[in-house]
Amino acid sequence: MSYAIVRVGGKQYRVEEGQSILVDRMRAEEGDKVDLQPLLFADGDKSVLDAGDLGKVKIQAVVTGHERGKKIHGLKFKPKRGYKRRYGARSHLTRLEISSIKASARKAPAKKEDSDGS
């Protein structure tokens, strides 16, 4: 089973093909294809960490929708002063579905035929 570690919005996620992940809100529209930046690629016993080889790894995801996260409640309180403030916040999220993880094979250098003219 192959998997990859990708960076999206300053955070790192472990992804596999067909997996759905929630990331911070992206500007992409619903249905858009997005290329993700790989940090590591592993396929069975082989793993790729080198920046040159990671350039050959293509990880594509499809934006399936935009959502809002769970509400987080907070409270500010100072005793004996009558100060109390409640607040809440919800994060804006984007759901990505990993459509493909591909590592292109290394190409052997092309052989040049010497033309000596003899």
C-alpha atoms as a PDB file:
ATOM      1  CA  MET A   1       0.000   0.000   0.000  1.00  0.00           C
ATOM      2  CA  SER A   2       1.469   3.343  -0.993  1.00  0.00           C
ATOM      3  CA  TYR A   3       1.028   6.509   1.002  1.00  0.00           C
ATOM      4  CA  ALA A   4       2.472   9.998   1.108  1.00  0.00           C
ATOM      5  CA  ILE A   5       3.018  12.808   3.563  1.00  0.00           C
ATOM      6  CA  VAL A   6       1.854  16.122   2.053  1.00  0.00           C
ATOM      7  CA  ARG A   7       1.941  19.742   3.143  1.00  0.00           C
ATOM      8  CA  VAL A   8      -1.287  21.717   2.828  1.00  0.00           C
ATOM      9  CA  GLY A   9      -1.707  25.133   4.399  1.00  0.00           C
ATOM     10  CA  GLY A  10       1.362  24.802   6.621  1.00  0.00           C
ATOM     11  CA  LYS A  11       0.234  21.481   8.122  1.00  0.00           C
ATOM     12  CA  GLN A  12       1.266  17.925   7.259  1.00  0.00           C
ATOM     13  CA  TYR A  13      -1.119  15.066   6.489  1.00  0.00           C
ATOM     14  CA  ARG A  14      -0.643  11.348   5.777  1.00  0.00           C
ATOM     15  CA  VAL A  15      -2.730  10.489   2.706  1.00  0.00           C
ATOM     16  CA  GLU A  16      -3.588   7.412   0.680  1.00  0.00           C
ATOM     17  CA  GLU A  17      -5.401   7.154  -2.629  1.00  0.00           C
ATOM     18  CA  GLY A  18      -9.177   7.451  -2.203  1.00  0.00           C
ATOM     19  CA  GLN A  19      -8.889   9.030   1.258  1.00  0.00           C
ATOM     20  CA  SER A  20     -10.802  12.173   2.227  1.00  0.00           C
ATOM     21  CA  ILE A  21      -9.160  14.822   4.453  1.00  0.00           C
ATOM     22  CA  LEU A  22     -10.228  18.126   6.008  1.00  0.00           C
ATOM     23  CA  VAL A  23      -7.764  21.007   5.614  1.00  0.00           C
ATOM     24  CA  ASP A  24      -7.878  24.748   6.279  1.00  0.00           C
ATOM     25  CA  ARG A  25     -10.008  26.694   3.786  1.00  0.00           C
ATOM     26  CA  MET A  26      -8.554  26.852   0.270  1.00  0.00           C
ATOM     27  CA  ARG A  27      -9.489  29.325  -2.457  1.00  0.00           C
ATOM     28  CA  ALA A  28     -10.217  26.547  -4.964  1.00  0.00           C
ATOM     29  CA  GLU A  29     -13.823  26.042  -6.061  1.00  0.00           C
ATOM     30  CA  GLU A  30     -15.769  22.852  -5.531  1.00  0.00           C
ATOM     31  CA  GLY A  31     -14.797  20.261  -8.169  1.00  0.00           C
ATOM     32  CA  ASP A  32     -11.365  21.795  -8.884  1.00  0.00           C
ATOM     33  CA  LYS A  33      -8.286  19.572  -9.062  1.00  0.00           C
ATOM     34  CA  VAL A  34      -5.424  20.567  -6.770  1.00  0.00           C
ATOM     35  CA  ASP A  35      -1.789  19.398  -6.820  1.00  0.00           C
ATOM     36  CA  LEU A  36      -0.391  18.778  -3.337  1.00  0.00           C
ATOM     37  CA  GLN A  37       3.249  19.197  -2.267  1.00  0.00           C
ATOM     38  CA  PRO A  38       4.781  15.851  -1.226  1.00  0.00           C
ATOM     39  CA  LEU A  39       7.264  15.638   1.649  1.00  0.00           C
ATOM     40  CA  LEU A  40       7.604  11.839   1.675  1.00  0.00           C
ATOM     41  CA  PHE A  41       6.409   9.000  -0.560  1.00  0.00           C
ATOM     42  CA  ALA A  42       6.406   5.363   0.534  1.00  0.00           C
ATOM     43  CA  ASP A  43       5.445   2.321  -1.521  1.00  0.00           C
ATOM     44  CA  GLY A  44       5.983  -0.955   0.300  1.00  0.00           C
ATOM     45  CA  ASP A  45       9.654  -1.158   1.281  1.00  0.00           C
ATOM     46  CA  LYS A  46      10.719   1.806  -0.859  1.00  0.00           C
ATOM     47  CA  SER A  47      10.484   5.371   0.412  1.00  0.00           C
ATOM     48  CA  VAL A  48      11.431   8.640  -1.272  1.00  0.00           C
ATOM     49  CA  LEU A  49      12.716  11.565   0.803  1.00  0.00           C
ATOM     50  CA  ASP A  50      15.119  13.290  -1.597  1.00  0.00           C
ATOM     51  CA  ALA A  51      13.859  16.606  -2.981  1.00  0.00           C
ATOM     52  CA  GLY A  52      14.945  15.700  -6.518  1.00  0.00           C
ATOM     53  CA  ASP A  53      13.017  12.435  -6.492  1.00  0.00           C
ATOM     54  CA  LEU A  54       9.983  14.013  -4.807  1.00  0.00           C
ATOM     55  CA  GLY A  55       9.668  16.272  -7.856  1.00  0.00           C
ATOM     56  CA  LYS A  56       8.649  13.168  -9.807  1.00  0.00           C
ATOM     57  CA  VAL A  57       5.814  12.324  -7.388  1.00  0.00           C
ATOM     58  CA  LYS A  58       2.408  13.722  -8.392  1.00  0.00           C
ATOM     59  CA  ILE A  59      -0.372  13.866  -5.824  1.00  0.00           C
ATOM     60  CA  GLN A  60      -3.717  15.129  -7.085  1.00  0.00           C
ATOM     61  CA  ALA A  61      -6.793  15.884  -5.013  1.00  0.00           C
ATOM     62  CA  VAL A  62     -10.312  17.020  -5.870  1.00  0.00           C
ATOM     63  CA  VAL A  63     -12.108  19.656  -3.799  1.00  0.00           C
ATOM     64  CA  THR A  64     -15.367  17.972  -2.770  1.00  0.00           C
ATOM     65  CA  GLY A  65     -16.744  20.823  -0.663  1.00  0.00           C
ATOM     66  CA  HIS A  66     -16.297  23.580   1.874  1.00  0.00           C
ATOM     67  CA  GLU A  67     -17.412  23.058   5.478  1.00  0.00           C
ATOM     68  CA  ARG A  68     -17.310  24.686   8.882  1.00  0.00           C
ATOM     69  CA  GLY A  69     -15.692  22.980  11.837  1.00  0.00           C
ATOM     70  CA  LYS A  70     -17.024  22.244  15.294  1.00  0.00           C
ATOM     71  CA  LYS A  71     -17.778  25.290  17.444  1.00  0.00           C
ATOM     72  CA  ILE A  72     -15.198  26.045  20.117  1.00  0.00           C
ATOM     73  CA  HIS A  73     -16.473  27.897  23.203  1.00  0.00           C
ATOM     74  CA  GLY A  74     -14.309  30.068  25.399  1.00  0.00           C
ATOM     75  CA  LEU A  75     -14.841  32.051  28.560  1.00  0.00           C
ATOM     76  CA  LYS A  76     -12.975  34.996  30.034  1.00  0.00           C
ATOM     77  CA  PHE A  77     -13.575  35.503  33.731  1.00  0.00           C
ATOM     78  CA  LYS A  78     -12.079  37.709  36.435  1.00  0.00           C
ATOM     79  CA  PRO A  79     -13.215  36.940  39.957  1.00  0.00           C
ATOM     80  CA  LYS A  80     -14.576  39.672  42.257  1.00  0.00           C
ATOM     81  CA  ARG A  81     -14.799  42.180  39.407  1.00  0.00           C
ATOM     82  CA  GLY A  82     -18.053  41.178  37.706  1.00  0.00           C
ATOM     83  CA  TYR A  83     -16.218  40.550  34.415  1.00  0.00           C
ATOM     84  CA  LYS A  84     -17.366  37.587  32.333  1.00  0.00           C
ATOM     85  CA  ARG A  85     -17.233  37.179  28.538  1.00  0.00           C
ATOM     86  CA  ARG A  86     -18.245  34.168  26.469  1.00  0.00           C
ATOM     87  CA  TYR A  87     -17.097  33.706  22.903  1.00  0.00           C
ATOM     88  CA  GLY A  88     -17.264  31.045  20.224  1.00  0.00           C
ATOM     89  CA  ALA A  89     -15.454  30.356  16.970  1.00  0.00           C
ATOM     90  CA  ARG A  90     -15.794  27.949  14.069  1.00  0.00           C
ATOM     91  CA  SER A  91     -12.994  27.213  11.616  1.00  0.00           C
ATOM     92  CA  HIS A  92     -13.582  27.277   7.857  1.00  0.00           C
ATOM     93  CA  LEU A  93     -12.464  24.008   6.253  1.00  0.00           C
ATOM     94  CA  THR A  94     -12.136  22.398   2.826  1.00  0.00           C
ATOM     95  CA  ARG A  95     -12.674  18.685   2.199  1.00  0.00           C
ATOM     96  CA  LEU A  96     -10.214  17.115  -0.265  1.00  0.00           C
ATOM     97  CA  GLU A  97     -10.462  13.660  -1.805  1.00  0.00           C
ATOM     98  CA  ILE A  98      -7.120  12.200  -2.895  1.00  0.00           C
ATOM     99  CA  SER A  99      -7.673  11.040  -6.482  1.00  0.00           C
ATOM    100  CA  SER A 100      -4.195   9.819  -7.428  1.00  0.00           C
ATOM    101  CA  ILE A 101      -0.703   9.281  -6.068  1.00  0.00           C
ATOM    102  CA  LYS A 102       1.766   8.603  -8.870  1.00  0.00           C
ATOM    103  CA  ALA A 103       5.518   8.263  -8.873  1.00  0.00           C
ATOM    104  CA  SER A 104       6.916   8.472 -12.379  1.00  0.00           C
ATOM    105  CA  ALA A 105       9.717   6.045 -13.165  1.00  0.00           C
ATOM    106  CA  ARG A 106      13.228   7.296 -13.686  1.00  0.00           C
ATOM    107  CA  LYS A 107      14.192   7.578 -17.325  1.00  0.00           C
ATOM    108  CA  ALA A 108      17.469   6.084 -18.440  1.00  0.00           C
ATOM    109  CA  PRO A 109      19.667   8.568 -20.299  1.00  0.00           C
ATOM    110  CA  ALA A 110      19.278   8.329 -24.047  1.00  0.00           C
ATOM    111  CA  LYS A 111      22.181   6.675 -25.834  1.00  0.00           C
ATOM    112  CA  LYS A 112      23.903   8.751 -28.482  1.00  0.00           C
ATOM    113  CA  GLU A 113      25.279   6.974 -31.481  1.00  0.00           C
ATOM    114  CA  ASP A 114      28.745   8.134 -32.449  1.00  0.00           C
ATOM    115  CA  SER A 115      28.965   9.063 -36.082  1.00  0.00           C
ATOM    116  CA  ASP A 116      32.684   8.924 -36.851  1.00  0.00           C
ATOM    117  CA  GLY A 117      32.091   8.849 -40.561  1.00  0.00           C
ATOM    118  CA  SER A 118      34.384   5.859 -40.956  1.00  0.00           C
END
